[in-house]
All heavy atoms as atom14 arrays in JSON, in Angstrom:
{
  "sequence": "RAPVKAPTPARQREVQFSDFEGVAGLKEREG",
  "atom14_mask": [
    [1, 1, 1, 1, 1, 1, 1, 1, 1, 1, 1, 0, 0, 0],
    [1, 1, 1, 1, 1, 0, 0, 0, 0, 0, 0, 0, 0, 0],
    [1, 1, 1, 1, 1, 1, 1, 0, 0, 0, 0, 0, 0, 0],
    [1, 1, 1, 1, 1, 1, 1, 0, 0, 0, 0, 0, 0, 0],
    [1, 1, 1, 1, 1, 1, 1, 1, 1, 0, 0, 0, 0, 0],
    [1, 1, 1, 1, 1, 0, 0, 0, 0, 0, 0, 0, 0, 0],
    [1, 1, 1, 1, 1, 1, 1, 0, 0, 0, 0, 0, 0, 0],
    [1, 1, 1, 1, 1, 1, 1, 0, 0, 0, 0, 0, 0, 0],
    [1, 1, 1, 1, 1, 1, 1, 0, 0, 0, 0, 0, 0, 0],
    [1, 1, 1, 1, 1, 0, 0, 0, 0, 0, 0, 0, 0, 0],
    [1, 1, 1, 1, 1, 1, 1, 1, 1, 1, 1, 0, 0, 0],
    [1, 1, 1, 1, 1, 1, 1, 1, 1, 0, 0, 0, 0, 0],
    [1, 1, 1, 1, 1, 1, 1, 1, 1, 1, 1, 0, 0, 0],
    [1, 1, 1, 1, 1, 1, 1, 1, 1, 0, 0, 0, 0, 0],
    [1, 1, 1, 1, 1, 1, 1, 0, 0, 0, 0, 0, 0, 0],
    [1, 1, 1, 1, 1, 1, 1, 1, 1, 0, 0, 0, 0, 0],
    [1, 1, 1, 1, 1, 1, 1, 1, 1, 1, 1, 0, 0, 0],
    [1, 1, 1, 1, 1, 1, 0, 0, 0, 0, 0, 0, 0, 0],
    [1, 1, 1, 1, 1, 1, 1, 1, 0, 0, 0, 0, 0, 0],
    [1, 1, 1, 1, 1, 1, 1, 1, 1, 1, 1, 0, 0, 0],
    [1, 1, 1, 1, 1, 1, 1, 1, 1, 0, 0, 0, 0, 0],
    [1, 1, 1, 1, 0, 0, 0, 0, 0, 0, 0, 0, 0, 0],
    [1, 1, 1, 1, 1, 1, 1, 0, 0, 0, 0, 0, 0, 0],
    [1, 1, 1, 1, 1, 0, 0, 0, 0, 0, 0, 0, 0, 0],
    [1, 1, 1, 1, 0, 0, 0, 0, 0, 0, 0, 0, 0, 0],
    [1, 1, 1, 1, 1, 1, 1, 1, 0, 0, 0, 0, 0, 0],
    [1, 1, 1, 1, 1, 1, 1, 1, 1, 0, 0, 0, 0, 0],
    [1, 1, 1, 1, 1, 1, 1, 1, 1, 0, 0, 0, 0, 0],
    [1, 1, 1, 1, 1, 1, 1, 1, 1, 1, 1, 0, 0, 0],
    [1, 1, 1, 1, 1, 1, 1, 1, 1, 0, 0, 0, 0, 0],
    [1, 1, 1, 1, 0, 0, 0, 0, 0, 0, 0, 0, 0, 0]
  ],
  "atom14_positions": [
    [[85.02, 107.03, 16.68], [84.96, 108.32, 15.92], [85.14, 109.56, 16.95], [84.49, 109.49, 18.0], [83.69, 108.48, 15.08], [83.59, 107.34, 13.96], [82.32, 107.61, 13.25], [81.24, 107.1, 14.22], [79.93, 107.13, 13.82], [79.54, 107.64, 12.73], [78.96, 106.72, 14.69], [0.0, 0.0, 0.0], [0.0, 0.0, 0.0], [0.0, 0.0, 0.0]],
    [[85.83, 110.45, 16.41], [86.07, 111.75, 17.37], [84.76, 112.44, 17.38], [84.01, 112.65, 16.32], [87.06, 112.61, 16.69], [0.0, 0.0, 0.0], [0.0, 0.0, 0.0], [0.0, 0.0, 0.0], [0.0, 0.0, 0.0], [0.0, 0.0, 0.0], [0.0, 0.0, 0.0], [0.0, 0.0, 0.0], [0.0, 0.0, 0.0], [0.0, 0.0, 0.0]],
    [[84.29, 112.84, 18.6], [83.09, 113.74, 18.77], [83.16, 114.98, 17.94], [84.3, 115.58, 17.84], [83.06, 113.96, 20.16], [83.73, 112.88, 20.85], [84.86, 112.61, 19.99], [0.0, 0.0, 0.0], [0.0, 0.0, 0.0], [0.0, 0.0, 0.0], [0.0, 0.0, 0.0], [0.0, 0.0, 0.0], [0.0, 0.0, 0.0], [0.0, 0.0, 0.0]],
    [[82.13, 115.34, 17.35], [81.99, 116.66, 16.54], [80.9, 117.49, 17.13], [80.08, 117.06, 17.78], [81.83, 116.42, 15.15], [82.99, 115.69, 14.5], [80.53, 115.59, 14.86], [0.0, 0.0, 0.0], [0.0, 0.0, 0.0], [0.0, 0.0, 0.0], [0.0, 0.0, 0.0], [0.0, 0.0, 0.0], [0.0, 0.0, 0.0], [0.0, 0.0, 0.0]],
    [[80.96, 118.76, 16.91], [79.89, 119.66, 17.39], [78.54, 119.33, 16.8], [78.52, 118.92, 15.59], [80.28, 121.08, 17.08], [79.23, 122.07, 17.65], [79.67, 123.51, 17.28], [78.59, 124.51, 17.92], [79.13, 125.89, 17.52], [0.0, 0.0, 0.0], [0.0, 0.0, 0.0], [0.0, 0.0, 0.0], [0.0, 0.0, 0.0], [0.0, 0.0, 0.0]],
    [[77.42, 119.3, 17.66], [76.11, 118.96, 17.19], [75.67, 119.85, 16.18], [75.72, 120.97, 16.27], [75.18, 118.97, 18.33], [0.0, 0.0, 0.0], [0.0, 0.0, 0.0], [0.0, 0.0, 0.0], [0.0, 0.0, 0.0], [0.0, 0.0, 0.0], [0.0, 0.0, 0.0], [0.0, 0.0, 0.0], [0.0, 0.0, 0.0], [0.0, 0.0, 0.0]],
    [[75.41, 119.37, 14.78], [75.04, 120.18, 13.78], [73.64, 120.95, 13.9], [73.44, 122.05, 13.51], [75.03, 119.39, 12.61], [74.78, 117.96, 12.96], [75.4, 117.97, 14.53], [0.0, 0.0, 0.0], [0.0, 0.0, 0.0], [0.0, 0.0, 0.0], [0.0, 0.0, 0.0], [0.0, 0.0, 0.0], [0.0, 0.0, 0.0], [0.0, 0.0, 0.0]],
    [[72.76, 120.2, 14.51], [71.34, 120.74, 14.62], [70.87, 120.37, 16.09], [71.31, 119.38, 16.7], [70.55, 120.19, 13.72], [70.45, 118.71, 13.73], [70.82, 120.65, 12.25], [0.0, 0.0, 0.0], [0.0, 0.0, 0.0], [0.0, 0.0, 0.0], [0.0, 0.0, 0.0], [0.0, 0.0, 0.0], [0.0, 0.0, 0.0], [0.0, 0.0, 0.0]],
    [[69.92, 121.1, 16.76], [69.33, 120.92, 17.95], [68.58, 119.37, 17.82], [68.05, 119.07, 16.86], [68.39, 121.88, 18.22], [68.78, 123.06, 17.33], [69.41, 122.37, 16.09], [0.0, 0.0, 0.0], [0.0, 0.0, 0.0], [0.0, 0.0, 0.0], [0.0, 0.0, 0.0], [0.0, 0.0, 0.0], [0.0, 0.0, 0.0], [0.0, 0.0, 0.0]],
    [[68.56, 118.69, 19.0], [67.8, 117.49, 18.99], [66.8, 117.49, 20.15], [66.97, 118.04, 21.18], [68.84, 116.29, 19.31], [0.0, 0.0, 0.0], [0.0, 0.0, 0.0], [0.0, 0.0, 0.0], [0.0, 0.0, 0.0], [0.0, 0.0, 0.0], [0.0, 0.0, 0.0], [0.0, 0.0, 0.0], [0.0, 0.0, 0.0], [0.0, 0.0, 0.0]],
    [[65.53, 116.93, 19.96], [64.61, 116.82, 20.9], [64.5, 115.3, 21.28], [64.69, 114.44, 20.56], [63.36, 117.38, 20.51], [62.62, 116.49, 19.39], [61.4, 117.16, 18.92], [60.63, 116.29, 17.96], [59.61, 115.41, 18.21], [59.19, 115.41, 19.46], [59.21, 114.69, 17.3], [0.0, 0.0, 0.0], [0.0, 0.0, 0.0], [0.0, 0.0, 0.0]],
    [[64.13, 115.13, 22.72], [63.86, 113.75, 23.12], [62.41, 113.45, 23.12], [61.7, 114.42, 23.59], [64.58, 113.61, 24.42], [64.41, 112.25, 25.11], [65.14, 112.06, 26.47], [66.33, 112.48, 26.55], [64.37, 111.54, 27.39], [0.0, 0.0, 0.0], [0.0, 0.0, 0.0], [0.0, 0.0, 0.0], [0.0, 0.0, 0.0], [0.0, 0.0, 0.0]],
    [[62.0, 112.3, 22.83], [60.59, 111.87, 22.88], [60.66, 110.35, 22.96], [61.64, 109.61, 22.93], [59.95, 112.26, 21.47], [60.46, 111.56, 20.28], [59.52, 111.85, 19.1], [60.14, 111.29, 17.91], [60.18, 110.04, 17.45], [59.55, 109.07, 18.17], [60.67, 109.63, 16.36], [0.0, 0.0, 0.0], [0.0, 0.0, 0.0], [0.0, 0.0, 0.0]],
    [[59.4, 109.77, 23.25], [59.27, 108.33, 23.54], [59.31, 107.71, 22.01], [58.97, 108.23, 20.98], [57.93, 108.02, 24.21], [57.82, 108.35, 25.57], [56.57, 107.78, 26.34], [55.81, 107.15, 25.63], [56.36, 108.03, 27.48], [0.0, 0.0, 0.0], [0.0, 0.0, 0.0], [0.0, 0.0, 0.0], [0.0, 0.0, 0.0], [0.0, 0.0, 0.0]],
    [[59.74, 106.48, 22.06], [59.94, 105.65, 20.91], [58.47, 105.36, 20.36], [57.55, 105.01, 21.13], [60.8, 104.38, 21.0], [60.66, 103.52, 19.91], [62.09, 104.69, 21.5], [0.0, 0.0, 0.0], [0.0, 0.0, 0.0], [0.0, 0.0, 0.0], [0.0, 0.0, 0.0], [0.0, 0.0, 0.0], [0.0, 0.0, 0.0], [0.0, 0.0, 0.0]],
    [[58.41, 105.33, 19.09], [57.11, 104.85, 18.41], [57.44, 103.68, 17.56], [58.65, 103.49, 17.12], [56.54, 105.95, 17.51], [56.12, 107.18, 18.28], [55.79, 108.31, 17.46], [55.75, 108.18, 16.03], [55.51, 109.49, 17.95], [0.0, 0.0, 0.0], [0.0, 0.0, 0.0], [0.0, 0.0, 0.0], [0.0, 0.0, 0.0], [0.0, 0.0, 0.0]],
    [[56.49, 102.77, 17.38], [56.75, 101.61, 16.53], [57.31, 101.9, 15.08], [58.26, 101.22, 14.45], [55.53, 100.77, 16.27], [55.75, 99.36, 15.74], [56.26, 98.39, 16.63], [55.66, 99.12, 14.4], [56.67, 97.05, 16.14], [56.02, 97.89, 13.86], [56.48, 96.85, 14.71], [0.0, 0.0, 0.0], [0.0, 0.0, 0.0], [0.0, 0.0, 0.0]],
    [[56.79, 103.1, 14.6], [57.38, 103.59, 13.22], [58.84, 103.9, 13.18], [59.34, 104.27, 12.15], [56.41, 104.67, 12.73], [56.56, 105.76, 13.6], [0.0, 0.0, 0.0], [0.0, 0.0, 0.0], [0.0, 0.0, 0.0], [0.0, 0.0, 0.0], [0.0, 0.0, 0.0], [0.0, 0.0, 0.0], [0.0, 0.0, 0.0], [0.0, 0.0, 0.0]],
    [[59.4, 104.0, 14.46], [60.9, 104.45, 14.49], [61.86, 103.34, 14.06], [63.09, 103.55, 14.2], [61.27, 104.95, 15.93], [60.39, 106.24, 16.22], [60.37, 107.13, 15.28], [60.14, 106.46, 17.43], [0.0, 0.0, 0.0], [0.0, 0.0, 0.0], [0.0, 0.0, 0.0], [0.0, 0.0, 0.0], [0.0, 0.0, 0.0], [0.0, 0.0, 0.0]],
    [[61.33, 102.09, 13.71], [62.26, 101.01, 13.49], [63.42, 101.39, 12.53], [64.55, 101.09, 12.92], [61.59, 99.8, 12.85], [62.39, 98.66, 12.49], [62.99, 97.87, 13.49], [62.78, 98.54, 11.21], [63.91, 96.91, 13.08], [63.6, 97.51, 10.75], [64.18, 96.69, 11.75], [0.0, 0.0, 0.0], [0.0, 0.0, 0.0], [0.0, 0.0, 0.0]],
    [[63.15, 101.84, 11.36], [64.25, 102.11, 10.48], [65.22, 103.09, 10.99], [66.43, 102.97, 10.81], [63.74, 102.71, 9.1], [62.71, 101.83, 8.29], [63.48, 100.52, 7.86], [64.76, 100.49, 7.81], [62.89, 99.4, 7.46], [0.0, 0.0, 0.0], [0.0, 0.0, 0.0], [0.0, 0.0, 0.0], [0.0, 0.0, 0.0], [0.0, 0.0, 0.0]],
    [[64.72, 104.15, 11.66], [65.67, 105.09, 12.2], [66.62, 104.64, 13.23], [67.81, 104.84, 13.32], [0.0, 0.0, 0.0], [0.0, 0.0, 0.0], [0.0, 0.0, 0.0], [0.0, 0.0, 0.0], [0.0, 0.0, 0.0], [0.0, 0.0, 0.0], [0.0, 0.0, 0.0], [0.0, 0.0, 0.0], [0.0, 0.0, 0.0], [0.0, 0.0, 0.0]],
    [[66.03, 103.7, 14.15], [66.77, 103.19, 15.21], [67.72, 102.15, 14.6], [68.83, 102.05, 15.08], [65.73, 102.55, 16.27], [66.65, 101.72, 17.3], [65.04, 103.51, 16.88], [0.0, 0.0, 0.0], [0.0, 0.0, 0.0], [0.0, 0.0, 0.0], [0.0, 0.0, 0.0], [0.0, 0.0, 0.0], [0.0, 0.0, 0.0], [0.0, 0.0, 0.0]],
    [[67.28, 101.34, 13.67], [68.13, 100.27, 13.03], [69.38, 101.01, 12.34], [70.48, 100.47, 12.57], [67.26, 99.53, 12.04], [0.0, 0.0, 0.0], [0.0, 0.0, 0.0], [0.0, 0.0, 0.0], [0.0, 0.0, 0.0], [0.0, 0.0, 0.0], [0.0, 0.0, 0.0], [0.0, 0.0, 0.0], [0.0, 0.0, 0.0], [0.0, 0.0, 0.0]],
    [[69.17, 102.11, 11.68], [70.27, 102.8, 11.0], [71.31, 103.3, 12.03], [72.42, 103.2, 11.86], [0.0, 0.0, 0.0], [0.0, 0.0, 0.0], [0.0, 0.0, 0.0], [0.0, 0.0, 0.0], [0.0, 0.0, 0.0], [0.0, 0.0, 0.0], [0.0, 0.0, 0.0], [0.0, 0.0, 0.0], [0.0, 0.0, 0.0], [0.0, 0.0, 0.0]],
    [[70.75, 103.86, 13.15], [71.68, 104.34, 14.2], [72.43, 103.19, 14.75], [73.54, 103.38, 15.0], [70.82, 105.04, 15.36], [71.46, 105.43, 16.49], [72.5, 106.57, 16.29], [70.46, 105.79, 17.62], [0.0, 0.0, 0.0], [0.0, 0.0, 0.0], [0.0, 0.0, 0.0], [0.0, 0.0, 0.0], [0.0, 0.0, 0.0], [0.0, 0.0, 0.0]],
    [[71.81, 102.11, 15.25], [72.54, 101.01, 15.76], [73.6, 100.48, 14.88], [74.57, 100.1, 15.3], [71.53, 99.84, 16.19], [70.63, 100.33, 17.35], [69.49, 99.39, 17.59], [70.01, 98.04, 18.21], [68.88, 97.14, 18.71], [0.0, 0.0, 0.0], [0.0, 0.0, 0.0], [0.0, 0.0, 0.0], [0.0, 0.0, 0.0], [0.0, 0.0, 0.0]],
    [[73.24, 100.37, 13.55], [74.2, 99.91, 12.68], [75.41, 100.89, 12.48], [76.59, 100.44, 12.49], [73.7, 99.76, 11.2], [74.5, 99.06, 10.16], [73.83, 98.79, 8.93], [72.63, 99.19, 8.77], [74.54, 98.2, 7.99], [0.0, 0.0, 0.0], [0.0, 0.0, 0.0], [0.0, 0.0, 0.0], [0.0, 0.0, 0.0], [0.0, 0.0, 0.0]],
    [[75.21, 102.14, 12.58], [76.31, 103.25, 12.65], [77.23, 102.96, 13.76], [78.4, 103.16, 13.79], [75.81, 104.58, 12.46], [74.99, 104.96, 11.25], [74.96, 106.56, 11.22], [74.19, 107.15, 12.3], [72.9, 107.26, 12.24], [72.14, 106.82, 11.28], [72.31, 107.94, 13.27], [0.0, 0.0, 0.0], [0.0, 0.0, 0.0], [0.0, 0.0, 0.0]],
    [[76.61, 102.67, 14.86], [77.3, 102.52, 16.12], [77.89, 101.08, 16.44], [78.46, 100.85, 17.52], [76.4, 102.97, 17.29], [76.01, 104.45, 17.22], [77.14, 105.49, 17.03], [78.14, 105.25, 17.88], [77.15, 106.21, 16.11], [0.0, 0.0, 0.0], [0.0, 0.0, 0.0], [0.0, 0.0, 0.0], [0.0, 0.0, 0.0], [0.0, 0.0, 0.0]],
    [[77.81, 100.21, 15.54], [78.3, 99.04, 15.58], [77.52, 97.8, 16.43], [78.14, 96.89, 16.89], [0.0, 0.0, 0.0], [0.0, 0.0, 0.0], [0.0, 0.0, 0.0], [0.0, 0.0, 0.0], [0.0, 0.0, 0.0], [0.0, 0.0, 0.0], [0.0, 0.0, 0.0], [0.0, 0.0, 0.0], [0.0, 0.0, 0.0], [0.0, 0.0, 0.0]]
  ]
}
């Protein structure tokens, strides 16, 4: 996919166990 301008700011933090759904969704989007 063609890169697009970031719509909102993003912060970086350590992974928590509760992040499973969010990480799984991202990985699925990225193949």
